[in-house]
Amino acid sequence: MLDQNDLLAIAQLMDQKLEQRFAEQDRKIEQRFAEQDRKMEERFAEQDRKIEERFTEQDRKIEQRLTSQDQKIGSLKTEMIEQMNIIIESRVEKQIQLLAEGHRDILEKLPEVDKVRDLEERVSTLETITKMQRQELNAMKGA
């Protein structure tokens, strides 16, 4: 029969075996977790790459649209400038020309500055002569 020491030795052997099995089980679990972590990281990296590709594609499309819009705006701006120039040439220049012609007609009708000065001098001279003659007439009437 087995004595106490034999039972203790059997118990120790069983504990060692259990410890080995637990250690082996822990190692297998750690390996599986490590493998799962690696697979998840690979999937996340793949998802990150796909997301980045989609954003890059969207950025490219947006840039194309903006470039297209810039070109359309540029051509509209050029067209508007051309239309404004046509309006200026056809309407404004004609109106300015008519205004200038009217101004020229007015200037032609106005007497020249020298003539006006000459007339002012003559009127002043006539006023002086008239004043003097009036004084002489008054003096004659009084005498």
N, C-alpha and C. Protein backbone atom coordinates (compact mmCIF):
# COMPACT_ATOMS: atom_id res chain seq x y z
N MET A 1 0.81 -1.16 0.00
CA MET A 1 0.00 0.00 0.00
C MET A 1 0.87 1.25 0.00
N LEU A 2 0.27 2.35 -0.28
CA LEU A 2 1.06 3.57 -0.41
C LEU A 2 1.07 4.30 0.92
N ASP A 3 2.22 4.72 1.22
CA ASP A 3 2.31 5.48 2.47
C ASP A 3 2.19 6.97 2.18
N GLN A 4 2.32 7.74 3.21
CA GLN A 4 2.15 9.18 3.16
C GLN A 4 3.15 9.82 2.19
N ASN A 5 4.36 9.43 2.23
CA ASN A 5 5.40 10.02 1.35
C ASN A 5 5.09 9.72 -0.11
N ASP A 6 4.62 8.52 -0.35
CA ASP A 6 4.28 8.18 -1.73
C ASP A 6 3.12 9.06 -2.24
N LEU A 7 2.16 9.26 -1.38
CA LEU A 7 1.02 10.09 -1.76
C LEU A 7 1.46 11.53 -2.01
N LEU A 8 2.37 12.00 -1.15
CA LEU A 8 2.89 13.36 -1.33
C LEU A 8 3.67 13.46 -2.64
N ALA A 9 4.44 12.46 -2.93
CA ALA A 9 5.21 12.46 -4.16
C ALA A 9 4.27 12.43 -5.36
N ILE A 10 3.21 11.61 -5.26
CA ILE A 10 2.23 11.55 -6.36
C ILE A 10 1.55 12.92 -6.51
N ALA A 11 1.21 13.53 -5.39
CA ALA A 11 0.54 14.84 -5.41
C ALA A 11 1.45 15.89 -6.04
N GLN A 12 2.74 15.82 -5.71
CA GLN A 12 3.70 16.78 -6.27
C GLN A 12 3.84 16.55 -7.78
N LEU A 13 3.89 15.28 -8.17
CA LEU A 13 3.98 14.98 -9.60
C LEU A 13 2.73 15.48 -10.34
N MET A 14 1.58 15.30 -9.73
CA MET A 14 0.34 15.76 -10.35
C MET A 14 0.32 17.30 -10.42
N ASP A 15 0.82 17.94 -9.32
CA ASP A 15 0.88 19.41 -9.33
C ASP A 15 1.82 19.89 -10.43
N GLN A 16 2.94 19.23 -10.58
CA GLN A 16 3.90 19.61 -11.62
C GLN A 16 3.26 19.44 -13.01
N LYS A 17 2.58 18.31 -13.17
CA LYS A 17 1.92 18.05 -14.45
C LYS A 17 0.86 19.10 -14.73
N LEU A 18 0.08 19.43 -13.70
CA LEU A 18 -0.95 20.45 -13.87
C LEU A 18 -0.33 21.81 -14.19
N GLU A 19 0.73 22.14 -13.48
CA GLU A 19 1.44 23.39 -13.72
C GLU A 19 1.95 23.44 -15.17
N GLN A 20 2.50 22.33 -15.61
CA GLN A 20 3.01 22.26 -16.99
C GLN A 20 1.86 22.45 -17.98
N ARG A 21 0.73 21.80 -17.69
CA ARG A 21 -0.42 21.90 -18.59
C ARG A 21 -1.00 23.32 -18.58
N PHE A 22 -1.05 23.93 -17.35
CA PHE A 22 -1.53 25.32 -17.26
C PHE A 22 -0.57 26.27 -18.00
N ALA A 23 0.73 26.01 -17.80
CA ALA A 23 1.72 26.85 -18.48
C ALA A 23 1.60 26.68 -19.99
N GLU A 24 1.43 25.45 -20.44
CA GLU A 24 1.26 25.18 -21.86
C GLU A 24 -0.02 25.83 -22.38
N GLN A 25 -1.08 25.72 -21.59
CA GLN A 25 -2.36 26.35 -21.96
C GLN A 25 -2.21 27.88 -22.02
N ASP A 26 -1.53 28.47 -21.04
CA ASP A 26 -1.28 29.92 -21.03
C ASP A 26 -0.49 30.34 -22.27
N ARG A 27 0.53 29.55 -22.59
CA ARG A 27 1.35 29.85 -23.77
C ARG A 27 0.50 29.80 -25.03
N LYS A 28 -0.34 28.78 -25.17
CA LYS A 28 -1.21 28.65 -26.34
C LYS A 28 -2.20 29.82 -26.41
N ILE A 29 -2.75 30.21 -25.26
CA ILE A 29 -3.69 31.34 -25.22
C ILE A 29 -2.97 32.62 -25.64
N GLU A 30 -1.77 32.83 -25.11
CA GLU A 30 -0.99 34.02 -25.45
C GLU A 30 -0.66 34.03 -26.95
N GLN A 31 -0.35 32.85 -27.49
CA GLN A 31 -0.06 32.76 -28.93
C GLN A 31 -1.30 33.12 -29.74
N ARG A 32 -2.44 32.62 -29.31
CA ARG A 32 -3.69 32.91 -30.03
C ARG A 32 -4.03 34.39 -29.95
N PHE A 33 -3.85 34.98 -28.76
CA PHE A 33 -4.10 36.42 -28.62
C PHE A 33 -3.13 37.22 -29.48
N ALA A 34 -1.88 36.81 -29.47
CA ALA A 34 -0.88 37.50 -30.29
C ALA A 34 -1.23 37.39 -31.77
N GLU A 35 -1.66 36.22 -32.19
CA GLU A 35 -2.06 36.01 -33.57
C GLU A 35 -3.29 36.86 -33.91
N GLN A 36 -4.25 36.89 -33.01
CA GLN A 36 -5.45 37.72 -33.22
C GLN A 36 -5.07 39.20 -33.28
N ASP A 37 -4.17 39.63 -32.39
CA ASP A 37 -3.70 41.03 -32.42
C ASP A 37 -3.04 41.35 -33.76
N ARG A 38 -2.20 40.44 -34.23
CA ARG A 38 -1.53 40.65 -35.50
C ARG A 38 -2.54 40.74 -36.63
N LYS A 39 -3.52 39.84 -36.66
CA LYS A 39 -4.54 39.85 -37.70
C LYS A 39 -5.38 41.14 -37.64
N MET A 40 -5.72 41.56 -36.42
CA MET A 40 -6.49 42.80 -36.28
C MET A 40 -5.68 44.01 -36.77
N GLU A 41 -4.41 44.04 -36.42
CA GLU A 41 -3.56 45.15 -36.87
C GLU A 41 -3.46 45.17 -38.40
N GLU A 42 -3.34 43.98 -39.00
CA GLU A 42 -3.29 43.91 -40.46
C GLU A 42 -4.60 44.41 -41.07
N ARG A 43 -5.73 44.01 -40.48
CA ARG A 43 -7.02 44.45 -41.00
C ARG A 43 -7.20 45.96 -40.82
N PHE A 44 -6.79 46.47 -39.64
CA PHE A 44 -6.88 47.92 -39.42
C PHE A 44 -5.98 48.67 -40.40
N ALA A 45 -4.80 48.13 -40.63
CA ALA A 45 -3.88 48.77 -41.57
C ALA A 45 -4.49 48.77 -42.98
N GLU A 46 -5.11 47.67 -43.36
CA GLU A 46 -5.77 47.58 -44.66
C GLU A 46 -6.93 48.58 -44.75
N GLN A 47 -7.72 48.65 -43.69
CA GLN A 47 -8.82 49.62 -43.66
C GLN A 47 -8.30 51.05 -43.74
N ASP A 48 -7.23 51.33 -43.00
CA ASP A 48 -6.62 52.67 -43.06
C ASP A 48 -6.16 53.00 -44.48
N ARG A 49 -5.55 52.03 -45.14
CA ARG A 49 -5.09 52.23 -46.50
C ARG A 49 -6.27 52.50 -47.43
N LYS A 50 -7.35 51.73 -47.30
CA LYS A 50 -8.54 51.93 -48.14
C LYS A 50 -9.17 53.30 -47.89
N ILE A 51 -9.25 53.67 -46.62
CA ILE A 51 -9.81 54.98 -46.28
C ILE A 51 -8.96 56.09 -46.88
N GLU A 52 -7.66 55.96 -46.75
CA GLU A 52 -6.75 56.97 -47.30
C GLU A 52 -6.89 57.07 -48.81
N GLU A 53 -7.04 55.92 -49.47
CA GLU A 53 -7.24 55.91 -50.93
C GLU A 53 -8.53 56.63 -51.30
N ARG A 54 -9.59 56.38 -50.54
CA ARG A 54 -10.88 57.02 -50.84
C ARG A 54 -10.78 58.53 -50.64
N PHE A 55 -10.12 58.94 -49.55
CA PHE A 55 -9.96 60.38 -49.31
C PHE A 55 -9.10 61.02 -50.41
N THR A 56 -8.07 60.32 -50.82
CA THR A 56 -7.21 60.84 -51.88
C THR A 56 -8.01 60.99 -53.17
N GLU A 57 -8.83 60.01 -53.47
CA GLU A 57 -9.66 60.07 -54.67
C GLU A 57 -10.67 61.22 -54.58
N GLN A 58 -11.28 61.36 -53.42
CA GLN A 58 -12.23 62.47 -53.22
C GLN A 58 -11.52 63.82 -53.36
N ASP A 59 -10.33 63.94 -52.79
CA ASP A 59 -9.55 65.18 -52.92
C ASP A 59 -9.24 65.48 -54.39
N ARG A 60 -8.89 64.45 -55.14
CA ARG A 60 -8.59 64.62 -56.56
C ARG A 60 -9.84 65.10 -57.31
N LYS A 61 -10.99 64.48 -57.02
CA LYS A 61 -12.23 64.88 -57.68
C LYS A 61 -12.61 66.32 -57.33
N ILE A 62 -12.46 66.67 -56.07
CA ILE A 62 -12.77 68.04 -55.64
C ILE A 62 -11.84 69.02 -56.34
N GLU A 63 -10.57 68.69 -56.40
CA GLU A 63 -9.60 69.58 -57.06
C GLU A 63 -9.95 69.75 -58.54
N GLN A 64 -10.37 68.66 -59.19
CA GLN A 64 -10.77 68.75 -60.59
C GLN A 64 -11.98 69.68 -60.75
N ARG A 65 -12.95 69.52 -59.86
CA ARG A 65 -14.14 70.37 -59.93
C ARG A 65 -13.78 71.83 -59.70
N LEU A 66 -12.93 72.08 -58.71
CA LEU A 66 -12.53 73.46 -58.43
C LEU A 66 -11.79 74.06 -59.61
N THR A 67 -10.91 73.29 -60.22
CA THR A 67 -10.17 73.76 -61.39
C THR A 67 -11.15 74.07 -62.53
N SER A 68 -12.11 73.19 -62.73
CA SER A 68 -13.12 73.41 -63.77
C SER A 68 -13.92 74.68 -63.48
N GLN A 69 -14.32 74.85 -62.22
CA GLN A 69 -15.08 76.05 -61.85
C GLN A 69 -14.23 77.31 -62.04
N ASP A 70 -12.96 77.23 -61.68
CA ASP A 70 -12.07 78.38 -61.88
C ASP A 70 -11.98 78.75 -63.35
N GLN A 71 -11.89 77.74 -64.21
CA GLN A 71 -11.81 78.00 -65.64
C GLN A 71 -13.11 78.63 -66.14
N LYS A 72 -14.25 78.11 -65.68
CA LYS A 72 -15.54 78.67 -66.10
C LYS A 72 -15.67 80.12 -65.63
N ILE A 73 -15.28 80.37 -64.40
CA ILE A 73 -15.34 81.74 -63.86
C ILE A 73 -14.42 82.65 -64.66
N GLY A 74 -13.24 82.18 -64.99
CA GLY A 74 -12.31 82.97 -65.78
C GLY A 74 -12.88 83.31 -67.15
N SER A 75 -13.50 82.33 -67.81
CA SER A 75 -14.06 82.61 -69.13
C SER A 75 -15.27 83.54 -69.02
N LEU A 76 -16.08 83.38 -67.97
CA LEU A 76 -17.21 84.30 -67.77
C LEU A 76 -16.72 85.71 -67.50
N LYS A 77 -15.66 85.82 -66.74
CA LYS A 77 -15.08 87.13 -66.44
C LYS A 77 -14.59 87.80 -67.72
N THR A 78 -13.89 87.03 -68.54
CA THR A 78 -13.40 87.55 -69.81
C THR A 78 -14.57 87.98 -70.70
N GLU A 79 -15.60 87.16 -70.75
CA GLU A 79 -16.77 87.47 -71.56
C GLU A 79 -17.46 88.75 -71.06
N MET A 80 -17.57 88.88 -69.74
CA MET A 80 -18.20 90.08 -69.18
C MET A 80 -17.38 91.33 -69.48
N ILE A 81 -16.07 91.22 -69.39
CA ILE A 81 -15.21 92.36 -69.71
C ILE A 81 -15.39 92.76 -71.17
N GLU A 82 -15.44 91.77 -72.04
CA GLU A 82 -15.64 92.06 -73.46
C GLU A 82 -16.98 92.74 -73.69
N GLN A 83 -18.03 92.26 -73.02
CA GLN A 83 -19.35 92.87 -73.17
C GLN A 83 -19.36 94.31 -72.63
N MET A 84 -18.68 94.52 -71.51
CA MET A 84 -18.60 95.88 -70.95
C MET A 84 -17.86 96.80 -71.91
N ASN A 85 -16.80 96.32 -72.52
CA ASN A 85 -16.07 97.12 -73.49
C ASN A 85 -16.95 97.46 -74.70
N ILE A 86 -17.75 96.50 -75.13
CA ILE A 86 -18.66 96.75 -76.26
C ILE A 86 -19.67 97.82 -75.87
N ILE A 87 -20.23 97.71 -74.67
CA ILE A 87 -21.20 98.70 -74.21
C ILE A 87 -20.55 100.08 -74.13
N ILE A 88 -19.35 100.12 -73.58
CA ILE A 88 -18.64 101.40 -73.45
C ILE A 88 -18.40 101.99 -74.83
N GLU A 89 -17.94 101.16 -75.75
CA GLU A 89 -17.65 101.65 -77.10
C GLU A 89 -18.91 102.11 -77.82
N SER A 90 -20.00 101.34 -77.67
CA SER A 90 -21.19 101.65 -78.46
C SER A 90 -22.05 102.74 -77.84
N ARG A 91 -22.13 102.80 -76.53
CA ARG A 91 -23.04 103.75 -75.90
C ARG A 91 -22.32 104.92 -75.25
N VAL A 92 -21.42 104.63 -74.38
CA VAL A 92 -20.79 105.68 -73.59
C VAL A 92 -19.96 106.60 -74.45
N GLU A 93 -19.17 106.05 -75.35
CA GLU A 93 -18.35 106.89 -76.21
C GLU A 93 -19.21 107.79 -77.09
N LYS A 94 -20.34 107.27 -77.58
CA LYS A 94 -21.24 108.09 -78.39
C LYS A 94 -21.82 109.22 -77.55
N GLN A 95 -22.20 108.90 -76.31
CA GLN A 95 -22.77 109.93 -75.44
C GLN A 95 -21.72 110.99 -75.10
N ILE A 96 -20.51 110.56 -74.88
CA ILE A 96 -19.43 111.52 -74.60
C ILE A 96 -19.18 112.39 -75.82
N GLN A 97 -19.22 111.78 -76.99
CA GLN A 97 -19.01 112.54 -78.24
C GLN A 97 -20.12 113.58 -78.41
N LEU A 98 -21.37 113.17 -78.16
CA LEU A 98 -22.49 114.12 -78.26
C LEU A 98 -22.35 115.25 -77.25
N LEU A 99 -21.94 114.90 -76.05
CA LEU A 99 -21.72 115.91 -75.02
C LEU A 99 -20.63 116.88 -75.43
N ALA A 100 -19.55 116.35 -75.98
CA ALA A 100 -18.44 117.20 -76.43
C ALA A 100 -18.89 118.12 -77.56
N GLU A 101 -19.70 117.60 -78.48
CA GLU A 101 -20.20 118.43 -79.57
C GLU A 101 -21.08 119.55 -79.04
N GLY A 102 -21.95 119.24 -78.08
CA GLY A 102 -22.80 120.25 -77.46
C GLY A 102 -21.97 121.30 -76.74
N HIS A 103 -20.94 120.84 -76.06
CA HIS A 103 -20.04 121.76 -75.34
C HIS A 103 -19.33 122.68 -76.34
N ARG A 104 -18.91 122.12 -77.46
CA ARG A 104 -18.23 122.91 -78.49
C ARG A 104 -19.18 123.96 -79.06
N ASP A 105 -20.45 123.56 -79.28
CA ASP A 105 -21.44 124.52 -79.79
C ASP A 105 -21.64 125.67 -78.81
N ILE A 106 -21.71 125.35 -77.54
CA ILE A 106 -21.87 126.39 -76.51
C ILE A 106 -20.67 127.32 -76.50
N LEU A 107 -19.49 126.73 -76.55
CA LEU A 107 -18.28 127.55 -76.56
C LEU A 107 -18.20 128.45 -77.78
N GLU A 108 -18.67 127.96 -78.92
CA GLU A 108 -18.65 128.76 -80.13
C GLU A 108 -19.60 129.96 -80.02
N LYS A 109 -20.71 129.75 -79.29
CA LYS A 109 -21.69 130.81 -79.14
C LYS A 109 -21.25 131.86 -78.12
N LEU A 110 -20.43 131.47 -77.16
CA LEU A 110 -19.96 132.43 -76.17
C LEU A 110 -18.94 133.37 -76.79
N PRO A 111 -18.99 134.65 -76.39
CA PRO A 111 -17.99 135.58 -76.93
C PRO A 111 -16.62 135.25 -76.35
N GLU A 112 -15.65 135.62 -77.10
CA GLU A 112 -14.30 135.36 -76.64
C GLU A 112 -13.98 136.28 -75.47
N VAL A 113 -13.05 135.90 -74.64
CA VAL A 113 -12.68 136.66 -73.44
C VAL A 113 -12.17 138.04 -73.81
N ASP A 114 -11.36 138.14 -74.85
CA ASP A 114 -10.83 139.46 -75.26
C ASP A 114 -11.96 140.39 -75.70
N LYS A 115 -12.94 139.84 -76.41
CA LYS A 115 -14.07 140.67 -76.85
C LYS A 115 -14.85 141.17 -75.65
N VAL A 116 -15.03 140.29 -74.67
CA VAL A 116 -15.78 140.67 -73.46
C VAL A 116 -15.03 141.78 -72.73
N ARG A 117 -13.73 141.66 -72.58
CA ARG A 117 -12.93 142.68 -71.90
C ARG A 117 -13.01 144.02 -72.66
N ASP A 118 -12.93 143.91 -73.99
CA ASP A 118 -13.01 145.11 -74.81
C ASP A 118 -14.36 145.81 -74.62
N LEU A 119 -15.42 145.00 -74.61
CA LEU A 119 -16.76 145.56 -74.41
C LEU A 119 -16.89 146.18 -73.01
N GLU A 120 -16.32 145.52 -72.00
CA GLU A 120 -16.37 146.06 -70.64
C GLU A 120 -15.66 147.41 -70.58
N GLU A 121 -14.53 147.51 -71.25
CA GLU A 121 -13.79 148.79 -71.27
C GLU A 121 -14.60 149.87 -71.98
N ARG A 122 -15.19 149.50 -73.09
CA ARG A 122 -15.99 150.48 -73.85
C ARG A 122 -17.19 150.96 -73.04
N VAL A 123 -17.85 149.98 -72.35
CA VAL A 123 -19.01 150.34 -71.53
C VAL A 123 -18.57 151.26 -70.40
N SER A 124 -17.44 150.94 -69.78
CA SER A 124 -16.93 151.77 -68.70
C SER A 124 -16.63 153.17 -69.21
N THR A 125 -16.02 153.26 -70.39
CA THR A 125 -15.70 154.56 -70.99
C THR A 125 -16.98 155.33 -71.27
N LEU A 126 -17.98 154.64 -71.84
CA LEU A 126 -19.25 155.29 -72.14
C LEU A 126 -19.94 155.76 -70.87
N GLU A 127 -19.87 154.96 -69.80
CA GLU A 127 -20.48 155.36 -68.53
C GLU A 127 -19.80 156.62 -68.00
N THR A 128 -18.49 156.67 -68.11
CA THR A 128 -17.75 157.83 -67.63
C THR A 128 -18.14 159.07 -68.44
N ILE A 129 -18.19 158.91 -69.77
CA ILE A 129 -18.56 160.03 -70.64
C ILE A 129 -19.98 160.49 -70.33
N THR A 130 -20.87 159.52 -70.15
CA THR A 130 -22.26 159.87 -69.86
C THR A 130 -22.36 160.62 -68.54
N LYS A 131 -21.62 160.19 -67.55
CA LYS A 131 -21.62 160.83 -66.24
C LYS A 131 -21.12 162.27 -66.39
N MET A 132 -20.06 162.46 -67.14
CA MET A 132 -19.49 163.78 -67.33
C MET A 132 -20.47 164.69 -68.08
N GLN A 133 -21.12 164.14 -69.10
CA GLN A 133 -22.06 164.95 -69.88
C GLN A 133 -23.27 165.33 -69.02
N ARG A 134 -23.71 164.43 -68.17
CA ARG A 134 -24.82 164.69 -67.29
C ARG A 134 -24.45 165.84 -66.35
N GLN A 135 -23.23 165.77 -65.84
CA GLN A 135 -22.78 166.83 -64.94
C GLN A 135 -22.74 168.18 -65.69
N GLU A 136 -22.28 168.16 -66.91
CA GLU A 136 -22.21 169.39 -67.70
C GLU A 136 -23.62 169.93 -67.96
N LEU A 137 -24.56 169.00 -68.29
CA LEU A 137 -25.94 169.43 -68.53
C LEU A 137 -26.57 170.02 -67.27
N ASN A 138 -26.28 169.35 -66.16
CA ASN A 138 -26.81 169.86 -64.88
C ASN A 138 -26.22 171.24 -64.57
N ALA A 139 -24.95 171.38 -64.89
CA ALA A 139 -24.30 172.67 -64.64
C ALA A 139 -24.92 173.73 -65.56
N MET A 140 -25.22 173.42 -66.79
CA MET A 140 -25.81 174.36 -67.72
C MET A 140 -27.23 174.73 -67.30
N LYS A 141 -27.93 173.75 -66.81
CA LYS A 141 -29.30 174.00 -66.36
C LYS A 141 -29.25 174.94 -65.16
N GLY A 142 -28.32 174.78 -64.33
CA GLY A 142 -28.23 175.58 -63.12
C GLY A 142 -27.71 176.96 -63.42
N ALA A 143 -27.09 177.23 -64.53
CA ALA A 143 -26.53 178.54 -64.83
C ALA A 143 -27.45 179.43 -65.57
